[in-house]
């Protein structure tokens, strides 16, 4: 499952990512395996995705989200 499959309000743990396809800036901001991530909001047409990664808020394109593998957390 990838980050692009997450629904609004759902939380997950990052399991892996394709480092060649994920911008270095996202990795520096905490998009690393083991970190918690939550989909806060979707822009119109579902792109970009507004995320909370360990307290940092960032927006990424759905194209990039397909390269971040996650495991959903159950509430």
PDB file of N, CA and C in Angstrom:
ATOM      1  N   UNK A   1       0.847  -1.167   0.000  1.00  0.00           N
ATOM      2  CA  UNK A   1       0.000   0.000   0.000  1.00  0.00           C
ATOM      3  C   UNK A   1       0.897   1.235   0.000  1.00  0.00           C
ATOM      4  N   UNK A   2       0.493   2.249  -0.741  1.00  0.00           N
ATOM      5  CA  UNK A   2       1.278   3.483  -0.814  1.00  0.00           C
ATOM      6  C   UNK A   2       0.529   4.631  -0.149  1.00  0.00           C
ATOM      7  N   UNK A   3       1.223   5.714   0.054  1.00  0.00           N
ATOM      8  CA  UNK A   3       0.636   6.896   0.660  1.00  0.00           C
ATOM      9  C   UNK A   3      -0.539   7.424  -0.164  1.00  0.00           C
ATOM     10  N   UNK A   4      -0.509   7.214  -1.459  1.00  0.00           N
ATOM     11  CA  UNK A   4      -1.588   7.673  -2.332  1.00  0.00           C
ATOM     12  C   UNK A   4      -2.903   6.940  -2.032  1.00  0.00           C
ATOM     13  N   UNK A   5      -2.855   5.798  -1.362  1.00  0.00           N
ATOM     14  CA  UNK A   5      -4.047   5.016  -1.032  1.00  0.00           C
ATOM     15  C   UNK A   5      -4.704   5.456   0.269  1.00  0.00           C
ATOM     16  N   UNK A   6      -4.071   6.350   1.010  1.00  0.00           N
ATOM     17  CA  UNK A   6      -4.584   6.798   2.299  1.00  0.00           C
ATOM     18  C   UNK A   6      -5.796   7.706   2.099  1.00  0.00           C
ATOM     19  N   UNK A   7      -6.788   7.587   2.977  1.00  0.00           N
ATOM     20  CA  UNK A   7      -7.974   8.439   2.941  1.00  0.00           C
ATOM     21  C   UNK A   7      -7.837   9.548   3.974  1.00  0.00           C
ATOM     22  N   UNK A   8      -8.579  10.629   3.778  1.00  0.00           N
ATOM     23  CA  UNK A   8      -8.526  11.780   4.674  1.00  0.00           C
ATOM     24  C   UNK A   8      -8.766  11.353   6.121  1.00  0.00           C
ATOM     25  N   UNK A   9      -7.873  11.793   7.011  1.00  0.00           N
ATOM     26  CA  UNK A   9      -7.990  11.492   8.433  1.00  0.00           C
ATOM     27  C   UNK A   9      -7.301  10.208   8.864  1.00  0.00           C
ATOM     28  N   UNK A  10      -6.860   9.385   7.925  1.00  0.00           N
ATOM     29  CA  UNK A  10      -6.199   8.130   8.279  1.00  0.00           C
ATOM     30  C   UNK A  10      -4.731   8.360   8.617  1.00  0.00           C
ATOM     31  N   UNK A  11      -4.231   7.503   9.503  1.00  0.00           N
ATOM     32  CA  UNK A  11      -2.831   7.563   9.923  1.00  0.00           C
ATOM     33  C   UNK A  11      -2.125   6.284   9.513  1.00  0.00           C
ATOM     34  N   UNK A  12      -0.818   6.397   9.321  1.00  0.00           N
ATOM     35  CA  UNK A  12      -0.022   5.243   8.896  1.00  0.00           C
ATOM     36  C   UNK A  12       1.415   5.418   9.346  1.00  0.00           C
ATOM     37  N   UNK A  13       2.177   4.348   9.208  1.00  0.00           N
ATOM     38  CA  UNK A  13       3.623   4.385   9.422  1.00  0.00           C
ATOM     39  C   UNK A  13       4.299   4.214   8.070  1.00  0.00           C
ATOM     40  N   UNK A  14       5.320   4.987   7.838  1.00  0.00           N
ATOM     41  CA  UNK A  14       6.083   4.835   6.601  1.00  0.00           C
ATOM     42  C   UNK A  14       6.935   3.586   6.739  1.00  0.00           C
ATOM     43  N   UNK A  15       6.808   2.667   5.793  1.00  0.00           N
ATOM     44  CA  UNK A  15       7.596   1.431   5.821  1.00  0.00           C
ATOM     45  C   UNK A  15       8.832   1.519   4.938  1.00  0.00           C
ATOM     46  N   UNK A  16       8.684   2.135   3.770  1.00  0.00           N
ATOM     47  CA  UNK A  16       9.784   2.190   2.814  1.00  0.00           C
ATOM     48  C   UNK A  16       9.477   3.290   1.809  1.00  0.00           C
ATOM     49  N   UNK A  17      10.483   3.712   1.074  1.00  0.00           N
ATOM     50  CA  UNK A  17      10.265   4.670   0.002  1.00  0.00           C
ATOM     51  C   UNK A  17      11.309   4.479  -1.079  1.00  0.00           C
ATOM     52  N   UNK A  18      10.959   4.917  -2.269  1.00  0.00           N
ATOM     53  CA  UNK A  18      11.887   4.847  -3.396  1.00  0.00           C
ATOM     54  C   UNK A  18      12.672   6.157  -3.384  1.00  0.00           C
ATOM     55  N   UNK A  19      13.888   6.105  -2.859  1.00  0.00           N
ATOM     56  CA  UNK A  19      14.664   7.329  -2.643  1.00  0.00           C
ATOM     57  C   UNK A  19      14.983   8.078  -3.935  1.00  0.00           C
ATOM     58  N   UNK A  20      15.070   7.383  -5.054  1.00  0.00           N
ATOM     59  CA  UNK A  20      15.356   8.056  -6.326  1.00  0.00           C
ATOM     60  C   UNK A  20      14.163   8.880  -6.800  1.00  0.00           C
ATOM     61  N   UNK A  21      12.953   8.553  -6.322  1.00  0.00           N
ATOM     62  CA  UNK A  21      11.742   9.223  -6.792  1.00  0.00           C
ATOM     63  C   UNK A  21      11.145  10.196  -5.786  1.00  0.00           C
ATOM     64  N   UNK A  22      11.671  10.205  -4.567  1.00  0.00           N
ATOM     65  CA  UNK A  22      11.171  11.109  -3.530  1.00  0.00           C
ATOM     66  C   UNK A  22      12.188  12.241  -3.362  1.00  0.00           C
ATOM     67  N   UNK A  23      11.733  13.495  -3.467  1.00  0.00           N
ATOM     68  CA  UNK A  23      12.675  14.618  -3.332  1.00  0.00           C
ATOM     69  C   UNK A  23      13.410  14.599  -1.986  1.00  0.00           C
ATOM     70  N   UNK A  24      14.666  14.964  -2.016  1.00  0.00           N
ATOM     71  CA  UNK A  24      15.500  14.986  -0.814  1.00  0.00           C
ATOM     72  C   UNK A  24      14.888  15.870   0.266  1.00  0.00           C
ATOM     73  N   UNK A  25      14.231  16.946  -0.122  1.00  0.00           N
ATOM     74  CA  UNK A  25      13.619  17.857   0.849  1.00  0.00           C
ATOM     75  C   UNK A  25      12.569  17.139   1.692  1.00  0.00           C
ATOM     76  N   UNK A  26      11.789  16.237   1.102  1.00  0.00           N
ATOM     77  CA  UNK A  26      10.790  15.485   1.858  1.00  0.00           C
ATOM     78  C   UNK A  26      11.459  14.550   2.853  1.00  0.00           C
ATOM     79  N   UNK A  27      12.536  13.934   2.461  1.00  0.00           N
ATOM     80  CA  UNK A  27      13.273  13.040   3.353  1.00  0.00           C
ATOM     81  C   UNK A  27      13.839  13.841   4.522  1.00  0.00           C
ATOM     82  N   UNK A  28      14.381  15.021   4.229  1.00  0.00           N
ATOM     83  CA  UNK A  28      14.922  15.883   5.281  1.00  0.00           C
ATOM     84  C   UNK A  28      13.840  16.355   6.245  1.00  0.00           C
ATOM     85  N   UNK A  29      12.598  16.470   5.766  1.00  0.00           N
ATOM     86  CA  UNK A  29      11.496  16.950   6.608  1.00  0.00           C
ATOM     87  C   UNK A  29      10.824  15.821   7.385  1.00  0.00           C
ATOM     88  N   UNK A  30      11.335  14.595   7.268  1.00  0.00           N
ATOM     89  CA  UNK A  30      10.834  13.519   8.103  1.00  0.00           C
ATOM     90  C   UNK A  30      10.134  12.380   7.400  1.00  0.00           C
ATOM     91  N   UNK A  31      10.070  12.385   6.087  1.00  0.00           N
ATOM     92  CA  UNK A  31       9.464  11.261   5.365  1.00  0.00           C
ATOM     93  C   UNK A  31      10.464  10.106   5.331  1.00  0.00           C
ATOM     94  N   UNK A  32      10.577   9.438   6.463  1.00  0.00           N
ATOM     95  CA  UNK A  32      11.530   8.343   6.623  1.00  0.00           C
ATOM     96  C   UNK A  32      10.821   7.117   7.172  1.00  0.00           C
ATOM     97  N   UNK A  33      11.305   5.932   6.853  1.00  0.00           N
ATOM     98  CA  UNK A  33      10.705   4.710   7.407  1.00  0.00           C
ATOM     99  C   UNK A  33      10.647   4.764   8.933  1.00  0.00           C
ATOM    100  N   UNK A  34       9.494   4.368   9.466  1.00  0.00           N
ATOM    101  CA  UNK A  34       9.284   4.351  10.910  1.00  0.00           C
ATOM    102  C   UNK A  34       8.535   5.567  11.430  1.00  0.00           C
ATOM    103  N   UNK A  35       8.449   6.623  10.641  1.00  0.00           N
ATOM    104  CA  UNK A  35       7.757   7.837  11.081  1.00  0.00           C
ATOM    105  C   UNK A  35       6.258   7.750  10.812  1.00  0.00           C
ATOM    106  N   UNK A  36       5.482   8.370  11.700  1.00  0.00           N
ATOM    107  CA  UNK A  36       4.030   8.407  11.549  1.00  0.00           C
ATOM    108  C   UNK A  36       3.645   9.485  10.543  1.00  0.00           C
ATOM    109  N   UNK A  37       2.552   9.233   9.817  1.00  0.00           N
ATOM    110  CA  UNK A  37       2.073  10.169   8.807  1.00  0.00           C
ATOM    111  C   UNK A  37       0.551  10.160   8.814  1.00  0.00           C
ATOM    112  N   UNK A  38      -0.052  11.320   8.606  1.00  0.00           N
ATOM    113  CA  UNK A  38      -1.508  11.438   8.580  1.00  0.00           C
ATOM    114  C   UNK A  38      -1.919  12.300   7.399  1.00  0.00           C
ATOM    115  N   UNK A  39      -2.945  11.870   6.683  1.00  0.00           N
ATOM    116  CA  UNK A  39      -3.495  12.667   5.589  1.00  0.00           C
ATOM    117  C   UNK A  39      -4.500  13.641   6.192  1.00  0.00           C
ATOM    118  N   UNK A  40      -4.160  14.927   6.190  1.00  0.00           N
ATOM    119  CA  UNK A  40      -4.976  15.958   6.812  1.00  0.00           C
ATOM    120  C   UNK A  40      -6.052  16.459   5.851  1.00  0.00           C
ATOM    121  N   UNK A  41      -5.673  16.732   4.614  1.00  0.00           N
ATOM    122  CA  UNK A  41      -6.595  17.337   3.653  1.00  0.00           C
ATOM    123  C   UNK A  41      -6.174  17.002   2.231  1.00  0.00           C
ATOM    124  N   UNK A  42      -7.152  16.990   1.338  1.00  0.00           N
ATOM    125  CA  UNK A  42      -6.886  16.830  -0.086  1.00  0.00           C
ATOM    126  C   UNK A  42      -7.316  18.092  -0.803  1.00  0.00           C
ATOM    127  N   UNK A  43      -6.513  18.555  -1.722  1.00  0.00           N
ATOM    128  CA  UNK A  43      -6.871  19.711  -2.530  1.00  0.00           C
ATOM    129  C   UNK A  43      -7.915  19.285  -3.569  1.00  0.00           C
ATOM    130  N   UNK A  44      -8.545  20.239  -4.238  1.00  0.00           N
ATOM    131  CA  UNK A  44      -9.471  19.871  -5.310  1.00  0.00           C
ATOM    132  C   UNK A  44      -8.796  18.947  -6.318  1.00  0.00           C
ATOM    133  N   UNK A  45      -9.537  18.005  -6.814  1.00  0.00           N
ATOM    134  CA  UNK A  45      -9.049  16.977  -7.748  1.00  0.00           C
ATOM    135  C   UNK A  45      -8.034  16.050  -7.074  1.00  0.00           C
ATOM    136  N   UNK A  46      -8.004  16.049  -5.723  1.00  0.00           N
ATOM    137  CA  UNK A  46      -7.175  15.134  -4.917  1.00  0.00           C
ATOM    138  C   UNK A  46      -5.675  15.291  -5.110  1.00  0.00           C
ATOM    139  N   UNK A  47      -5.229  16.450  -5.553  1.00  0.00           N
ATOM    140  CA  UNK A  47      -3.797  16.656  -5.750  1.00  0.00           C
ATOM    141  C   UNK A  47      -3.484  18.132  -5.586  1.00  0.00           C
ATOM    142  N   UNK A  48      -2.614  18.559  -4.685  1.00  0.00           N
ATOM    143  CA  UNK A  48      -1.723  17.773  -3.842  1.00  0.00           C
ATOM    144  C   UNK A  48      -2.401  17.275  -2.568  1.00  0.00           C
ATOM    145  N   UNK A  49      -1.645  16.494  -1.814  1.00  0.00           N
ATOM    146  CA  UNK A  49      -2.093  15.922  -0.548  1.00  0.00           C
ATOM    147  C   UNK A  49      -1.410  16.707   0.579  1.00  0.00           C
ATOM    148  N   UNK A  50      -2.193  17.124   1.570  1.00  0.00           N
ATOM    149  CA  UNK A  50      -1.671  17.880   2.707  1.00  0.00           C
ATOM    150  C   UNK A  50      -1.481  16.902   3.862  1.00  0.00           C
ATOM    151  N   UNK A  51      -0.247  16.762   4.349  1.00  0.00           N
ATOM    152  CA  UNK A  51       0.113  15.725   5.310  1.00  0.00           C
ATOM    153  C   UNK A  51       0.688  16.288   6.601  1.00  0.00           C
ATOM    154  N   UNK A  52       0.578  15.500   7.654  1.00  0.00           N
ATOM    155  CA  UNK A  52       1.239  15.768   8.925  1.00  0.00           C
ATOM    156  C   UNK A  52       2.223  14.618   9.137  1.00  0.00           C
ATOM    157  N   UNK A  53       3.508  14.940   9.116  1.00  0.00           N
ATOM    158  CA  UNK A  53       4.558  13.939   9.313  1.00  0.00           C
ATOM    159  C   UNK A  53       5.304  14.296  10.586  1.00  0.00           C
ATOM    160  N   UNK A  54       5.025  13.549  11.658  1.00  0.00           N
ATOM    161  CA  UNK A  54       5.674  13.806  12.958  1.00  0.00           C
ATOM    162  C   UNK A  54       5.597  15.272  13.371  1.00  0.00           C
ATOM    163  N   UNK A  55       4.445  15.900  13.171  1.00  0.00           N
ATOM    164  CA  UNK A  55       4.255  17.285  13.576  1.00  0.00           C
ATOM    165  C   UNK A  55       4.588  18.315  12.516  1.00  0.00           C
ATOM    166  N   UNK A  56       5.224  17.920  11.436  1.00  0.00           N
ATOM    167  CA  UNK A  56       5.523  18.833  10.329  1.00  0.00           C
ATOM    168  C   UNK A  56       4.418  18.733   9.291  1.00  0.00           C
ATOM    169  N   UNK A  57       3.934  19.864   8.824  1.00  0.00           N
ATOM    170  CA  UNK A  57       2.888  19.876   7.802  1.00  0.00           C
ATOM    171  C   UNK A  57       3.526  20.130   6.448  1.00  0.00           C
ATOM    172  N   UNK A  58       3.175  19.297   5.472  1.00  0.00           N
ATOM    173  CA  UNK A  58       3.702  19.469   4.130  1.00  0.00           C
ATOM    174  C   UNK A  58       2.702  18.988   3.092  1.00  0.00           C
ATOM    175  N   UNK A  59       2.875  19.469   1.901  1.00  0.00           N
ATOM    176  CA  UNK A  59       2.014  19.077   0.789  1.00  0.00           C
ATOM    177  C   UNK A  59       2.875  18.388  -0.257  1.00  0.00           C
ATOM    178  N   UNK A  60       2.377  17.258  -0.745  1.00  0.00           N
ATOM    179  CA  UNK A  60       3.108  16.541  -1.796  1.00  0.00           C
ATOM    180  C   UNK A  60       2.140  16.151  -2.904  1.00  0.00           C
ATOM    181  N   UNK A  61       2.681  15.945  -4.065  1.00  0.00           N
ATOM    182  CA  UNK A  61       1.871  15.520  -5.208  1.00  0.00           C
ATOM    183  C   UNK A  61       1.557  14.037  -5.089  1.00  0.00           C
ATOM    184  N   UNK A  62       0.421  13.649  -5.615  1.00  0.00           N
ATOM    185  CA  UNK A  62       0.006  12.250  -5.584  1.00  0.00           C
ATOM    186  C   UNK A  62       1.034  11.375  -6.316  1.00  0.00           C
ATOM    187  N   UNK A  63       1.635  11.912  -7.351  1.00  0.00           N
ATOM    188  CA  UNK A  63       2.676  11.181  -8.101  1.00  0.00           C
ATOM    189  C   UNK A  63       3.827  10.776  -7.181  1.00  0.00           C
ATOM    190  N   UNK A  64       4.228  11.661  -6.289  1.00  0.00           N
ATOM    191  CA  UNK A  64       5.287  11.368  -5.319  1.00  0.00           C
ATOM    192  C   UNK A  64       4.787  10.387  -4.266  1.00  0.00           C
ATOM    193  N   UNK A  65       3.524  10.530  -3.851  1.00  0.00           N
ATOM    194  CA  UNK A  65       2.941   9.664  -2.819  1.00  0.00           C
ATOM    195  C   UNK A  65       2.941   8.194  -3.239  1.00  0.00           C
ATOM    196  N   UNK A  66       2.894   7.926  -4.528  1.00  0.00           N
ATOM    197  CA  UNK A  66       2.934   6.535  -5.012  1.00  0.00           C
ATOM    198  C   UNK A  66       4.282   5.864  -4.737  1.00  0.00           C
ATOM    199  N   UNK A  67       5.295   6.643  -4.391  1.00  0.00           N
ATOM    200  CA  UNK A  67       6.630   6.104  -4.140  1.00  0.00           C
ATOM    201  C   UNK A  67       6.943   5.944  -2.653  1.00  0.00           C
ATOM    202  N   UNK A  68       5.946   6.189  -1.795  1.00  0.00           N
ATOM    203  CA  UNK A  68       6.119   6.061  -0.346  1.00  0.00           C
ATOM    204  C   UNK A  68       5.204   4.932   0.144  1.00  0.00           C
ATOM    205  N   UNK A  69       5.805   3.866   0.638  1.00  0.00           N
ATOM    206  CA  UNK A  69       5.041   2.687   1.069  1.00  0.00           C
ATOM    207  C   UNK A  69       4.726   2.796   2.562  1.00  0.00           C
ATOM    208  N   UNK A  70       3.475   2.474   2.898  1.00  0.00           N
ATOM    209  CA  UNK A  70       3.015   2.668   4.265  1.00  0.00           C
ATOM    210  C   UNK A  70       2.299   1.425   4.802  1.00  0.00           C
ATOM    211  N   UNK A  71       2.065   1.457   6.117  1.00  0.00           N
ATOM    212  CA  UNK A  71       1.230   0.461   6.792  1.00  0.00           C
ATOM    213  C   UNK A  71       0.209   1.258   7.601  1.00  0.00           C
ATOM    214  N   UNK A  72      -1.074   1.079   7.303  1.00  0.00           N
ATOM    215  CA  UNK A  72      -2.127   1.810   8.009  1.00  0.00           C
ATOM    216  C   UNK A  72      -2.147   1.472   9.482  1.00  0.00           C
ATOM    217  N   UNK A  73      -2.423   2.474  10.292  1.00  0.00           N
ATOM    218  CA  UNK A  73      -2.603   2.281  11.722  1.00  0.00           C
ATOM    219  C   UNK A  73      -4.099   2.212  12.003  1.00  0.00           C
ATOM    220  N   UNK A  74      -4.490   1.275  12.838  1.00  0.00           N
ATOM    221  CA  UNK A  74      -5.896   1.166  13.214  1.00  0.00           C
ATOM    222  C   UNK A  74      -6.131   1.953  14.480  1.00  0.00           C
ATOM    223  N   UNK A  75      -7.222   2.684  14.503  1.00  0.00           N
ATOM    224  CA  UNK A  75      -7.521   3.515  15.677  1.00  0.00           C
ATOM    225  C   UNK A  75      -8.325   2.771  16.692  1.00  0.00           C
TER     226      UNK A  75
END
